[in-house]
Amino acid sequence: MKQADDRLLFEAFFALEYRSVVSLGFVLSGSWEAAEDLAQDAFAAAHRDWQRIGCYDKPGAWVRRAVSNRAISLRRKRASEHDIARRLVGTSSPDDQLSPADHELWARVRCLPRRQAQLVALVYLEDRSVKEASDILGISEPTAKTHLQRARRRLAEELEIEEQSEMEQT
């Protein structure tokens, strides 16, 4: 019976708080889709630990804090993705061709040949040197450079961005 009561209490809490929590997520993320994801993640976490969180004086405050923390993580992830995209295709400012929310680039990276995609991820996502990436993949550094150069060229062509020469990148 206790479990049924907890479920009903959570459902009432969710119904009461959901819209305002999504609104908070929107203000923090700038996207309704992201806001709904943030809210659902926070409510799911609250539901998993409802026996503890449901006893708080203000469980809504806990959910809002969770949304706020997740929004900060999302913003960092977007900024990191933008920085990686900027370095990868050689754009020079946030106002260039790619925005922080541009997931098209990563979808295209996933479509690259396996070795090229691996190198792009290791070098630009994990910020590893070409030497480190080649060691991880068990290939020579010149081979890694060739694959990385081909990946950059293909991505630049597909995204219609002029690729910088190696001299401009360093």
Protein backbone atom coordinates (compact mmCIF):
# COMPACT_ATOMS: atom_id res chain seq x y z
CA MET A 1 0.00 0.00 0.00
CA LYS A 2 2.92 2.35 0.78
CA GLN A 3 4.24 1.96 -2.78
CA ALA A 4 0.84 2.87 -4.26
CA ASP A 5 0.66 5.93 -2.00
CA ASP A 6 4.18 6.98 -3.05
CA ARG A 7 3.23 6.56 -6.72
CA LEU A 8 0.11 8.71 -6.28
CA LEU A 9 2.07 11.35 -4.37
CA PHE A 10 4.71 11.45 -7.11
CA GLU A 11 2.08 11.67 -9.86
CA ALA A 12 0.40 14.59 -8.07
CA PHE A 13 3.77 16.27 -7.53
CA PHE A 14 4.68 15.76 -11.21
CA ALA A 15 1.33 17.17 -12.43
CA LEU A 16 1.66 20.19 -10.16
CA GLU A 17 5.29 21.02 -10.95
CA TYR A 18 5.94 19.87 -14.53
CA ARG A 19 4.95 23.02 -16.46
CA SER A 20 6.92 25.41 -14.28
CA VAL A 21 9.97 23.11 -14.27
CA VAL A 22 9.87 22.91 -18.09
CA SER A 23 9.61 26.72 -18.21
CA LEU A 24 12.70 26.96 -16.03
CA GLY A 25 14.47 24.56 -18.35
CA PHE A 26 13.48 26.71 -21.32
CA VAL A 27 14.82 29.88 -19.75
CA LEU A 28 18.11 28.14 -18.96
CA SER A 29 18.52 26.29 -22.27
CA GLY A 30 16.69 28.44 -24.83
CA SER A 31 15.01 25.38 -26.35
CA TRP A 32 11.63 23.83 -25.56
CA GLU A 33 12.91 20.43 -26.67
CA ALA A 34 15.94 20.66 -24.41
CA ALA A 35 13.75 22.01 -21.60
CA GLU A 36 11.44 19.01 -21.79
CA ASP A 37 14.43 16.66 -21.80
CA LEU A 38 15.96 18.44 -18.81
CA ALA A 39 12.69 18.30 -16.89
CA GLN A 40 12.04 14.66 -17.71
CA ASP A 41 15.56 13.69 -16.66
CA ALA A 42 15.18 15.54 -13.37
CA PHE A 43 11.73 14.07 -12.67
CA ALA A 44 12.99 10.58 -13.56
CA ALA A 45 15.83 11.00 -11.07
CA ALA A 46 13.35 12.21 -8.44
CA HIS A 47 11.07 9.26 -9.15
CA ARG A 48 13.92 6.76 -8.77
CA ASP A 49 14.67 8.15 -5.31
CA TRP A 50 11.16 9.32 -4.40
CA GLN A 51 11.18 7.69 -0.96
CA ARG A 52 13.92 10.12 0.04
CA ILE A 53 13.08 13.15 -2.13
CA GLY A 54 9.36 12.93 -1.41
CA CYS A 55 10.15 13.50 2.28
CA TYR A 56 11.87 16.83 1.62
CA ASP A 57 10.06 19.98 2.67
CA LYS A 58 10.37 21.21 -0.92
CA PRO A 59 10.89 18.38 -3.41
CA GLY A 60 10.19 20.92 -6.17
CA ALA A 61 13.35 22.76 -5.16
CA TRP A 62 15.34 19.54 -5.58
CA VAL A 63 13.92 19.02 -9.10
CA ARG A 64 14.63 22.65 -10.04
CA ARG A 65 18.21 22.34 -8.80
CA ALA A 66 18.57 19.17 -10.86
CA VAL A 67 17.24 20.99 -13.95
CA SER A 68 19.59 23.91 -13.30
CA ASN A 69 22.60 21.61 -12.96
CA ARG A 70 21.63 19.68 -16.08
CA ALA A 71 21.16 22.94 -18.01
CA ILE A 72 24.67 24.04 -17.05
CA SER A 73 26.01 20.68 -18.23
CA LEU A 74 24.07 21.04 -21.48
CA ARG A 75 25.42 24.54 -22.03
CA ARG A 76 28.98 23.31 -21.43
CA LYS A 77 28.43 20.42 -23.81
CA ARG A 78 27.08 22.75 -26.50
CA ALA A 79 29.99 25.14 -26.04
CA SER A 80 32.42 22.25 -26.20
CA GLU A 81 30.76 20.88 -29.35
CA HIS A 82 30.90 24.34 -30.92
CA ASP A 83 34.56 24.73 -30.04
CA ILE A 84 35.33 21.29 -31.43
CA ALA A 85 33.38 22.05 -34.61
CA ARG A 86 35.15 25.38 -34.97
CA ARG A 87 38.56 23.72 -34.64
CA LEU A 88 37.57 20.80 -36.83
CA VAL A 89 36.35 22.76 -39.84
CA GLY A 90 38.38 25.90 -39.27
CA THR A 91 35.66 28.45 -38.60
CA SER A 92 36.95 31.49 -36.81
CA SER A 93 34.12 32.75 -34.62
CA PRO A 94 30.88 31.62 -32.99
CA ASP A 95 28.98 33.64 -35.59
CA ASP A 96 30.38 31.58 -38.46
CA GLN A 97 28.64 28.70 -40.21
CA LEU A 98 28.12 26.49 -37.14
CA SER A 99 26.13 27.24 -33.99
CA PRO A 100 26.62 25.61 -30.59
CA ALA A 101 23.52 23.46 -31.12
CA ASP A 102 24.68 22.17 -34.49
CA HIS A 103 24.41 18.42 -34.31
CA GLU A 104 24.64 18.01 -38.07
CA LEU A 105 28.42 17.96 -37.85
CA TRP A 106 28.47 15.01 -35.45
CA ALA A 107 25.94 13.14 -37.57
CA ARG A 108 28.27 13.62 -40.53
CA VAL A 109 31.27 12.51 -38.49
CA ARG A 110 29.42 9.28 -37.69
CA CYS A 111 28.98 8.75 -41.47
CA LEU A 112 32.70 8.99 -42.17
CA PRO A 113 34.71 5.82 -42.73
CA ARG A 114 35.37 4.17 -39.37
CA ARG A 115 39.04 5.16 -39.02
CA GLN A 116 38.37 8.77 -40.00
CA ALA A 117 35.50 9.05 -37.51
CA GLN A 118 37.64 7.54 -34.76
CA LEU A 119 40.44 10.02 -35.39
CA VAL A 120 38.09 13.00 -35.50
CA ALA A 121 36.60 11.94 -32.18
CA LEU A 122 39.96 11.33 -30.52
CA VAL A 123 41.63 14.49 -31.80
CA TYR A 124 38.76 16.97 -31.64
CA LEU A 125 36.40 15.57 -29.02
CA GLU A 126 38.98 14.23 -26.58
CA ASP A 127 41.57 16.88 -27.52
CA ARG A 128 44.32 14.32 -28.07
CA SER A 129 47.36 14.82 -30.27
CA VAL A 130 47.54 12.96 -33.57
CA LYS A 131 50.38 10.91 -32.07
CA GLU A 132 48.24 9.89 -29.07
CA ALA A 133 45.31 9.03 -31.33
CA SER A 134 47.50 6.96 -33.64
CA ASP A 135 48.91 5.07 -30.65
CA ILE A 136 45.40 4.37 -29.33
CA LEU A 137 44.28 3.06 -32.72
CA GLY A 138 47.47 1.13 -33.36
CA ILE A 139 48.31 2.90 -36.62
CA SER A 140 51.28 4.99 -37.70
CA GLU A 141 51.21 8.73 -37.16
CA PRO A 142 51.50 9.47 -40.92
CA THR A 143 48.53 7.18 -41.58
CA ALA A 144 46.55 8.93 -38.85
CA LYS A 145 47.39 12.33 -40.35
CA THR A 146 46.22 11.14 -43.77
CA HIS A 147 42.91 9.85 -42.39
CA LEU A 148 42.39 13.02 -40.39
CA GLN A 149 43.16 15.22 -43.39
CA ARG A 150 40.67 13.26 -45.53
CA ALA A 151 38.03 13.56 -42.81
CA ARG A 152 38.53 17.32 -42.51
CA ARG A 153 38.38 17.74 -46.28
CA ARG A 154 35.20 15.68 -46.60
CA LEU A 155 33.49 17.47 -43.71
CA ALA A 156 34.50 20.86 -45.07
CA GLU A 157 33.08 19.93 -48.50
CA GLU A 158 29.86 18.57 -47.06
CA LEU A 159 29.38 21.57 -44.81
CA GLU A 160 30.46 23.92 -47.60
CA ILE A 161 33.16 25.51 -45.49
CA GLU A 162 36.54 26.50 -46.80
CA GLU A 163 39.15 24.36 -45.10
CA GLN A 164 42.15 26.19 -43.69
CA SER A 165 45.57 25.03 -44.75
CA GLU A 166 47.76 23.29 -42.19
CA MET A 167 49.85 26.46 -41.90
CA GLU A 168 46.83 28.58 -40.90
CA GLN A 169 45.71 26.07 -38.28
CA THR A 170 48.90 26.14 -36.25
